[in-house]
C-alpha atoms as a PDB file:
ATOM      1  CA  LEU A   1      -4.699   5.298   2.098  1.00  0.00           C
ATOM      2  CA  PRO A   2      -3.425   5.571   5.670  1.00  0.00           C
ATOM      3  CA  HIS A   3      -2.077   2.747   7.800  1.00  0.00           C
ATOM      4  CA  GLY A   4      -1.098   0.627   4.827  1.00  0.00           C
ATOM      5  CA  GLY A   5      -4.672   0.686   3.573  1.00  0.00           C
ATOM      6  CA  GLY A   6      -6.058  -0.744   6.816  1.00  0.00           C
ATOM      7  CA  ALA A   7      -7.950  -3.983   6.165  1.00  0.00           C
ATOM      8  CA  PHE A   8      -8.427  -3.196   2.481  1.00  0.00           C
ATOM      9  CA  PRO A   9      -5.296  -4.997   1.163  1.00  0.00           C
ATOM     10  CA  PHE A  10      -6.283  -8.115   3.070  1.00  0.00           C
ATOM     11  CA  ILE A  11      -9.697  -8.271   1.415  1.00  0.00           C
ATOM     12  CA  PHE A  12      -8.622  -7.454  -2.165  1.00  0.00           C
ATOM     13  CA  ALA A  13      -9.190 -11.046  -3.252  1.00  0.00           C
ATOM     14  CA  ARG A  14     -12.590 -11.214  -1.585  1.00  0.00           C
ATOM     15  CA  VAL A  15     -13.774  -7.978  -3.200  1.00  0.00           C
ATOM     16  CA  GLU A  16     -12.419  -9.106  -6.559  1.00  0.00           C
ATOM     17  CA  HIS A  17     -14.191 -12.449  -6.274  1.00  0.00           C
ATOM     18  CA  GLY A  18     -17.430 -10.690  -5.385  1.00  0.00           C
ATOM     19  CA  LEU A  19     -17.207  -8.439  -8.437  1.00  0.00           C
ATOM     20  CA  TYR A  20     -17.242 -11.415 -10.757  1.00  0.00           C
ATOM     21  CA  HIS A  21     -19.466 -13.848  -8.848  1.00  0.00           C
ATOM     22  CA  MET A  22     -22.392 -11.854  -7.502  1.00  0.00           C
ATOM     23  CA  GLY A  23     -25.014 -13.545  -9.672  1.00  0.00           C
ATOM     24  CA  SER A  24     -27.632 -11.141 -10.971  1.00  0.00           C
ATOM     25  CA  VAL A  25     -25.917  -8.166  -9.337  1.00  0.00           C
ATOM     26  CA  GLN A  26     -22.625  -8.493 -11.224  1.00  0.00           C
ATOM     27  CA  LEU A  27     -20.891  -5.190 -11.763  1.00  0.00           C
ATOM     28  CA  LYS A  28     -19.382  -4.183 -15.052  1.00  0.00           C
ATOM     29  CA  VAL A  29     -15.789  -3.104 -14.639  1.00  0.00           C
ATOM     30  CA  GLU A  30     -13.622  -1.968 -17.523  1.00  0.00           C
ATOM     31  CA  ARG A  31     -10.322  -3.183 -16.101  1.00  0.00           C
ATOM     32  CA  PRO A  32      -9.080  -5.958 -13.847  1.00  0.00           C
ATOM     33  CA  PHE A  33      -9.794  -5.191 -10.186  1.00  0.00           C
ATOM     34  CA  ARG A  34      -6.073  -5.085  -9.325  1.00  0.00           C
ATOM     35  CA  GLU A  35      -5.623  -2.118 -11.634  1.00  0.00           C
ATOM     36  CA  TYR A  36      -8.137  -0.191  -9.553  1.00  0.00           C
ATOM     37  CA  VAL A  37      -6.409  -0.895  -6.225  1.00  0.00           C
ATOM     38  CA  ARG A  38      -3.167   0.353  -7.769  1.00  0.00           C
ATOM     39  CA  ARG A  39      -4.765   3.753  -8.361  1.00  0.00           C
ATOM     40  CA  PHE A  40      -4.320   4.483  -4.657  1.00  0.00           C
ATOM     41  CA  HIS A  41      -1.176   5.245  -2.721  1.00  0.00           C
ATOM     42  CA  TYR A  42      -0.696   3.604   0.656  1.00  0.00           C
ATOM     43  CA  ASP A  43       1.390   4.857   3.559  1.00  0.00           C
ATOM     44  CA  TYR A  44       3.505   2.246   5.264  1.00  0.00           C
ATOM     45  CA  LEU A  45       3.224   3.131   8.948  1.00  0.00           C
ATOM     46  CA  ASN A  46       1.330   0.230  10.441  1.00  0.00           C
ATOM     47  CA  TYR A  47       4.085  -1.202  12.684  1.00  0.00           C
ATOM     48  CA  TYR A  48       3.997  -4.706  11.173  1.00  0.00           C
ATOM     49  CA  PRO A  49       6.849  -5.503   8.776  1.00  0.00           C
ATOM     50  CA  GLU A  50       5.011  -8.587   7.518  1.00  0.00           C
ATOM     51  CA  ALA A  51       1.978  -6.468   6.608  1.00  0.00           C
ATOM     52  CA  LEU A  52       4.195  -4.043   4.696  1.00  0.00           C
ATOM     53  CA  ARG A  53       5.861  -6.888   2.807  1.00  0.00           C
ATOM     54  CA  PHE A  54       2.391  -8.209   1.905  1.00  0.00           C
ATOM     55  CA  LEU A  55       1.255  -4.743   0.790  1.00  0.00           C
ATOM     56  CA  ILE A  56       4.301  -4.414  -1.465  1.00  0.00           C
ATOM     57  CA  SER A  57       3.499  -7.784  -3.023  1.00  0.00           C
ATOM     58  CA  GLU A  58      -0.098  -6.716  -3.678  1.00  0.00           C
ATOM     59  CA  VAL A  59       0.260  -3.155  -5.010  1.00  0.00           C
ATOM     60  CA  GLY A  60       3.959  -2.785  -5.795  1.00  0.00           C
ATOM     61  CA  PRO A  61       6.614  -0.524  -4.282  1.00  0.00           C
ATOM     62  CA  ASP A  62       5.627   2.316  -6.617  1.00  0.00           C
ATOM     63  CA  ARG A  63       2.324   2.780  -4.737  1.00  0.00           C
ATOM     64  CA  ILE A  64       3.724   3.046  -1.197  1.00  0.00           C
ATOM     65  CA  VAL A  65       4.829   6.247   0.528  1.00  0.00           C
ATOM     66  CA  ILE A  66       6.062   7.250   3.947  1.00  0.00           C
ATOM     67  CA  GLY A  67       3.363   8.370   6.361  1.00  0.00           C
ATOM     68  CA  THR A  68       3.265  10.242   9.625  1.00  0.00           C
ATOM     69  CA  ASP A  69       1.836   9.057  12.896  1.00  0.00           C
ATOM     70  CA  LEU A  70       2.181  12.162  15.029  1.00  0.00           C
ATOM     71  CA  PHE A  71      -0.593  11.457  17.513  1.00  0.00           C
ATOM     72  CA  ALA A  72      -0.248   7.693  17.943  1.00  0.00           C
ATOM     73  CA  ALA A  73       0.979   6.233  21.213  1.00  0.00           C
ATOM     74  CA  ARG A  74       3.594   4.153  19.404  1.00  0.00           C
ATOM     75  CA  ASP A  75       5.332   6.915  17.483  1.00  0.00           C
ATOM     76  CA  ILE A  76       8.649   5.842  16.097  1.00  0.00           C
ATOM     77  CA  GLU A  77      11.526   8.260  16.089  1.00  0.00           C
ATOM     78  CA  TYR A  78      12.945   7.191  12.739  1.00  0.00           C
ATOM     79  CA  PRO A  79      10.113   5.921  10.486  1.00  0.00           C
ATOM     80  CA  ASN A  80      12.488   4.942   7.684  1.00  0.00           C
ATOM     81  CA  SER A  81      13.967   2.203   9.860  1.00  0.00           C
ATOM     82  CA  TYR A  82      10.662   0.389   9.627  1.00  0.00           C
ATOM     83  CA  VAL A  83      10.931  -0.070   5.862  1.00  0.00           C
ATOM     84  CA  GLU A  84      14.726  -0.389   5.809  1.00  0.00           C
ATOM     85  CA  GLN A  85      14.617  -3.514   7.989  1.00  0.00           C
ATOM     86  CA  LEU A  86      12.858  -5.389   5.159  1.00  0.00           C
ATOM     87  CA  ASN A  87      16.090  -5.391   3.120  1.00  0.00           C
ATOM     88  CA  LEU A  88      14.258  -4.472  -0.067  1.00  0.00           C
ATOM     89  CA  PRO A  89      16.097  -4.018  -3.350  1.00  0.00           C
ATOM     90  CA  ALA A  90      17.697  -0.556  -3.466  1.00  0.00           C
ATOM     91  CA  LYS A  91      15.375   0.558  -6.283  1.00  0.00           C
ATOM     92  CA  ASP A  92      12.248  -0.338  -4.269  1.00  0.00           C
ATOM     93  CA  LEU A  93      13.588   1.317  -1.122  1.00  0.00           C
ATOM     94  CA  GLU A  94      14.345   4.509  -3.054  1.00  0.00           C
ATOM     95  CA  LEU A  95      10.816   4.570  -4.485  1.00  0.00           C
ATOM     96  CA  ILE A  96       9.174   4.126  -1.093  1.00  0.00           C
ATOM     97  CA  LEU A  97      11.357   6.561   0.844  1.00  0.00           C
ATOM     98  CA  ARG A  98      11.692   9.324  -1.752  1.00  0.00           C
ATOM     99  CA  GLY A  99      10.794   8.586  -5.349  1.00  0.00           C
ATOM    100  CA  ASN A 100       7.053   8.103  -4.984  1.00  0.00           C
ATOM    101  CA  ALA A 101       6.627  11.284  -2.938  1.00  0.00           C
ATOM    102  CA  LYS A 102       8.692  13.255  -5.462  1.00  0.00           C
ATOM    103  CA  ARG A 103       6.514  11.952  -8.276  1.00  0.00           C
ATOM    104  CA  LEU A 104       3.258  12.678  -6.418  1.00  0.00           C
ATOM    105  CA  LEU A 105       4.355  16.169  -5.408  1.00  0.00           C
ATOM    106  CA  ARG A 106       5.951  16.819  -8.809  1.00  0.00           C
ATOM    107  CA  LEU A 107       9.296  17.762  -7.299  1.00  0.00           C
END
């Protein structure tokens, strides 16, 4: 999902609550809601380090990939610097910058 998933990561809890507390309209789901949100991959170009840190805490570093923002007014010359400034563990940084894309593209 582009732009770190947009508003979606910030309403995970609300959607999850609704799934289980909608009264007569309750939906039947086979797995916990959080397993479904982890089926997506999220790019990390949203310009807010705090939002990226939150996204990592919600979906894990194995679901986040680098994105491009070619036509945006706030293009950044070196997109990796955005994630590197979070001082993540080396394993998480490797996943986000290279490992996840390699896995997705089967390289």
